[in-house]
Amino acid sequence: MAKIHTIKLGMVNSFLIEDNGYILVDTGMNKNPKRILNKLKDLNVLPEQINLIILTHNHEDHISGLAVLKEKTKAKVLIHKLDYMTLMAEEADEIMPMTNLAKIIFRFRNFLDRLNKQEKSDSSINRCEFDIIIEDDFDLNPFGVDGKVLHTPGHSKGSVSIIVGTKAIIGDNLMAMLPWSKPSRPIVAYDMAEIKNSMIRLIEMKVKSFYLSHGSHYDIHEIKKAIETLK
């Protein structure tokens, strides 16, 4: 049975999926590759054993370490087409603040541009090839993991979740930003109704444990409570 190892990077998490092969989910900020590589070493996993890097979405805190980690692992990189297009500035992102804190940040720090309109000098973009650009569900068995990638839009247009058994990594569709907080709405999102639909879809697929990129992992009861608050 596949295992999910959480790699804590401060306020954000990456994940290592271990099965008959290894898949890395998200790559953190520019400063995070060393910590991720050290965690792989602790788990007795060589960088070149990583078969695939999956990006749950295209925001800076999830992709900025990509160039370094792709170079170290030689792994293929997967992203959803809608987030790829936004990343390549072929299509505008439309995320908006969903909490009072986010509204303040948007107002005073131009948060939207910093998250979504990466400069062309960003090494994660101009040094990386995106090998697999998906539009539909994607089977992970060819990469040694009995699981799949699902398009679960809401936080961004192209947000994806990764299902292995009854566990799912859901990126930022829900967040628990503080150590004592419970899963709740993300601070920014493209469409809150889409998030709700995406989470309901995962529940209907018998997912029981949900791994958040900001927070920890939570059982289905906590997730159902979070869904009830989404409007």
Protein backbone atom coordinates (compact mmCIF):
# COMPACT_ATOMS: atom_id res chain seq x y z
CA MET A 1 0.00 0.00 0.00
CA ALA A 2 1.29 3.43 -0.93
CA LYS A 3 2.63 5.70 1.81
CA ILE A 4 2.52 9.49 1.88
CA HIS A 5 5.42 11.23 3.63
CA THR A 6 4.83 14.89 4.49
CA ILE A 7 7.87 17.13 3.95
CA LYS A 8 7.37 20.20 6.12
CA LEU A 9 8.90 23.36 4.64
CA GLY A 10 7.66 25.92 7.15
CA MET A 11 4.27 27.27 6.12
CA VAL A 12 3.94 24.89 3.17
CA ASN A 13 4.34 21.14 2.65
CA SER A 14 5.69 18.98 -0.11
CA PHE A 15 4.94 15.25 -0.19
CA LEU A 16 6.73 12.07 -1.15
CA ILE A 17 4.53 9.19 -2.31
CA GLU A 18 6.19 5.81 -1.79
CA ASP A 19 4.91 2.67 -3.49
CA ASN A 20 6.69 0.51 -6.05
CA GLY A 21 8.21 3.82 -7.16
CA TYR A 22 8.50 7.35 -5.80
CA ILE A 23 6.64 10.53 -6.74
CA LEU A 24 7.33 14.02 -5.36
CA VAL A 25 4.37 16.39 -5.01
CA ASP A 26 5.24 20.11 -5.14
CA THR A 27 8.69 21.65 -4.72
CA GLY A 28 8.29 24.57 -2.32
CA MET A 29 10.08 27.91 -2.48
CA ASN A 30 13.52 28.66 -3.95
CA LYS A 31 15.13 28.00 -0.55
CA ASN A 32 13.44 24.60 -0.06
CA PRO A 33 15.14 22.07 -2.39
CA LYS A 34 17.96 21.38 0.09
CA ARG A 35 15.45 20.55 2.82
CA ILE A 36 13.52 18.29 0.45
CA LEU A 37 16.71 16.49 -0.61
CA ASN A 38 17.71 16.05 3.03
CA LYS A 39 14.30 14.51 3.77
CA LEU A 40 14.77 12.10 0.86
CA LYS A 41 18.13 11.13 2.34
CA ASP A 42 16.51 10.53 5.74
CA LEU A 43 14.03 8.21 4.02
CA ASN A 44 16.87 6.41 2.18
CA VAL A 45 15.57 7.62 -1.16
CA LEU A 46 18.06 8.72 -3.81
CA PRO A 47 17.06 11.77 -5.88
CA GLU A 48 17.27 9.74 -9.08
CA GLN A 49 14.67 7.31 -7.68
CA ILE A 50 12.01 10.01 -8.06
CA ASN A 51 10.08 9.10 -11.21
CA LEU A 52 7.71 12.06 -11.38
CA ILE A 53 7.18 15.52 -9.90
CA ILE A 54 3.53 16.59 -9.70
CA LEU A 55 2.58 20.24 -9.22
CA THR A 56 -0.76 20.60 -7.44
CA HIS A 57 -1.00 24.12 -8.86
CA ASN A 58 1.17 26.91 -10.18
CA HIS A 59 1.61 29.24 -7.20
CA GLU A 60 5.06 30.42 -6.18
CA ASP A 61 5.26 28.57 -2.85
CA HIS A 62 4.65 25.26 -4.66
CA ILE A 63 6.83 25.54 -7.76
CA SER A 64 9.82 27.78 -7.07
CA GLY A 65 12.10 24.89 -6.14
CA LEU A 66 11.22 23.04 -9.32
CA ALA A 67 14.26 23.79 -11.46
CA VAL A 68 16.75 22.55 -8.88
CA LEU A 69 14.78 19.42 -8.06
CA LYS A 70 14.17 18.50 -11.68
CA GLU A 71 17.89 18.82 -12.33
CA LYS A 72 18.76 16.69 -9.27
CA THR A 73 16.15 13.98 -9.88
CA LYS A 74 15.87 13.95 -13.69
CA ALA A 75 12.17 13.28 -13.06
CA LYS A 76 9.39 14.22 -15.45
CA VAL A 77 7.15 17.12 -14.37
CA LEU A 78 3.33 17.06 -14.49
CA ILE A 79 1.02 20.06 -14.39
CA HIS A 80 -2.58 20.68 -15.45
CA LYS A 81 -3.00 22.51 -18.75
CA LEU A 82 -5.01 25.40 -17.27
CA ASP A 83 -2.32 26.23 -14.71
CA TYR A 84 0.40 25.72 -17.32
CA MET A 85 -1.27 28.30 -19.56
CA THR A 86 -1.48 30.77 -16.69
CA LEU A 87 2.14 30.14 -15.77
CA MET A 88 3.22 30.77 -19.33
CA ALA A 89 1.09 33.95 -19.38
CA GLU A 90 -1.11 32.54 -22.10
CA GLU A 91 -4.20 33.07 -19.96
CA ALA A 92 -4.95 35.35 -17.02
CA ASP A 93 -5.46 33.90 -13.58
CA GLU A 94 -8.54 35.05 -11.72
CA ILE A 95 -7.94 34.17 -8.07
CA MET A 96 -9.36 36.50 -5.48
CA PRO A 97 -8.98 36.93 -1.70
CA MET A 98 -11.35 34.77 0.33
CA THR A 99 -10.53 35.93 3.88
CA ASN A 100 -10.22 39.32 5.54
CA LEU A 101 -6.48 38.78 5.96
CA ALA A 102 -6.07 38.04 2.26
CA LYS A 103 -8.05 41.17 1.35
CA ILE A 104 -5.61 43.27 3.38
CA ILE A 105 -2.63 41.59 1.75
CA PHE A 106 -4.08 42.11 -1.73
CA ARG A 107 -4.69 45.76 -1.00
CA PHE A 108 -1.31 46.68 0.36
CA ARG A 109 1.16 44.23 -1.18
CA ASN A 110 -0.22 43.48 -4.64
CA PHE A 111 -0.41 39.85 -3.56
CA LEU A 112 -2.14 38.63 -6.69
CA ASP A 113 0.72 39.60 -8.98
CA ARG A 114 3.32 38.15 -6.63
CA LEU A 115 1.52 34.81 -6.53
CA ASN A 116 0.50 34.37 -10.12
CA LYS A 117 2.34 36.61 -12.57
CA GLN A 118 5.85 35.20 -12.27
CA GLU A 119 8.67 37.26 -13.78
CA LYS A 120 10.34 35.74 -16.83
CA SER A 121 13.56 35.54 -14.84
CA ASP A 122 12.01 32.98 -12.49
CA SER A 123 14.34 30.00 -12.77
CA SER A 124 11.49 27.55 -12.21
CA ILE A 125 10.00 28.66 -15.52
CA ASN A 126 12.84 29.41 -17.89
CA ARG A 127 15.03 26.47 -16.80
CA CYS A 128 12.34 23.79 -16.69
CA GLU A 129 10.56 21.65 -19.20
CA PHE A 130 7.04 20.59 -18.27
CA ASP A 131 6.92 17.05 -19.60
CA ILE A 132 3.30 16.03 -18.96
CA ILE A 133 0.48 18.55 -19.37
CA ILE A 134 -2.83 16.94 -18.48
CA GLU A 135 -6.44 17.85 -19.11
CA ASP A 136 -8.17 14.77 -17.67
CA ASP A 137 -7.50 12.18 -14.96
CA PHE A 138 -4.02 10.68 -15.10
CA ASP A 139 -2.98 7.16 -14.11
CA LEU A 140 0.17 6.99 -11.95
CA ASN A 141 0.80 3.25 -12.28
CA PRO A 142 3.39 3.71 -15.06
CA PHE A 143 5.40 5.71 -12.51
CA GLY A 144 5.30 2.99 -9.87
CA VAL A 145 2.39 4.33 -7.78
CA ASP A 146 -1.06 2.77 -7.65
CA GLY A 147 -3.00 6.02 -7.83
CA LYS A 148 -4.26 8.79 -10.03
CA VAL A 149 -4.23 12.55 -10.54
CA LEU A 150 -7.63 14.27 -10.68
CA HIS A 151 -8.48 17.76 -11.86
CA THR A 152 -9.98 19.40 -8.75
CA PRO A 153 -10.36 23.08 -9.63
CA GLY A 154 -11.22 25.82 -7.18
CA HIS A 155 -8.10 27.22 -5.61
CA SER A 156 -6.82 27.70 -9.14
CA LYS A 157 -8.31 26.74 -12.48
CA GLY A 158 -5.90 23.86 -12.88
CA SER A 159 -5.57 22.61 -9.30
CA VAL A 160 -5.17 18.85 -9.06
CA SER A 161 -5.39 16.27 -6.30
CA ILE A 162 -3.51 12.99 -6.06
CA ILE A 163 -5.39 9.91 -4.84
CA VAL A 164 -3.61 6.82 -3.49
CA GLY A 165 -5.93 4.29 -1.91
CA THR A 166 -8.22 6.18 0.46
CA LYS A 167 -5.80 9.10 0.85
CA ALA A 168 -5.64 12.30 -1.17
CA ILE A 169 -3.21 15.20 -1.42
CA ILE A 170 -5.41 18.21 -2.18
CA GLY A 171 -2.98 21.12 -2.49
CA ASP A 172 -4.54 24.42 -1.38
CA ASN A 173 -8.22 23.69 -1.97
CA LEU A 174 -8.49 23.75 1.81
CA MET A 175 -6.04 25.29 4.28
CA ALA A 176 -5.21 25.15 7.99
CA MET A 177 -2.66 27.94 8.18
CA LEU A 178 -1.99 27.88 11.94
CA PRO A 179 -0.89 24.86 14.02
CA TRP A 180 -4.13 24.85 16.03
CA SER A 181 -6.50 25.64 13.16
CA LYS A 182 -8.82 23.23 11.38
CA PRO A 183 -9.27 22.87 7.60
CA SER A 184 -11.12 25.81 6.12
CA ARG A 185 -11.40 27.89 2.98
CA PRO A 186 -8.14 28.88 1.29
CA ILE A 187 -7.08 32.49 1.70
CA VAL A 188 -7.26 32.92 -2.07
CA ALA A 189 -9.27 31.01 -4.66
CA TYR A 190 -10.55 31.04 -8.21
CA ASP A 191 -14.02 29.67 -7.40
CA MET A 192 -15.28 28.58 -3.97
CA ALA A 193 -18.17 26.60 -5.48
CA GLU A 194 -15.66 24.66 -7.56
CA ILE A 195 -13.70 23.84 -4.40
CA LYS A 196 -16.84 22.46 -2.78
CA ASN A 197 -17.63 20.36 -5.85
CA SER A 198 -14.05 19.08 -6.00
CA MET A 199 -14.08 18.04 -2.35
CA ILE A 200 -17.45 16.33 -2.72
CA ARG A 201 -16.07 14.42 -5.70
CA LEU A 202 -13.15 13.16 -3.61
CA ILE A 203 -15.50 12.07 -0.82
CA GLU A 204 -17.67 10.24 -3.36
CA MET A 205 -14.50 8.42 -4.47
CA LYS A 206 -14.17 7.07 -0.90
CA VAL A 207 -11.25 9.25 0.17
CA LYS A 208 -10.93 9.09 3.97
CA SER A 209 -7.73 11.05 4.71
CA PHE A 210 -6.90 14.45 3.21
CA TYR A 211 -3.37 15.91 3.09
CA LEU A 212 -3.20 19.72 2.92
CA SER A 213 -0.28 21.75 1.59
CA HIS A 214 -0.88 24.28 4.37
CA GLY A 215 -1.68 22.28 7.47
CA SER A 216 -1.53 18.56 8.25
CA HIS A 217 -3.67 15.59 7.25
CA TYR A 218 -7.27 15.31 8.40
CA ASP A 219 -9.99 12.68 8.40
CA ILE A 220 -13.18 12.88 6.44
CA HIS A 221 -15.17 14.27 9.37
CA GLU A 222 -13.00 17.40 9.55
CA ILE A 223 -13.23 17.83 5.78
CA LYS A 224 -17.02 17.54 5.79
CA LYS A 225 -17.17 20.26 8.45
CA ALA A 226 -14.97 22.48 6.27
CA ILE A 227 -17.13 21.89 3.21
CA GLU A 228 -20.23 23.02 5.08
CA THR A 229 -18.66 26.47 5.54
CA LEU A 230 -17.82 27.01 1.87
CA LYS A 231 -19.99 29.58 0.11
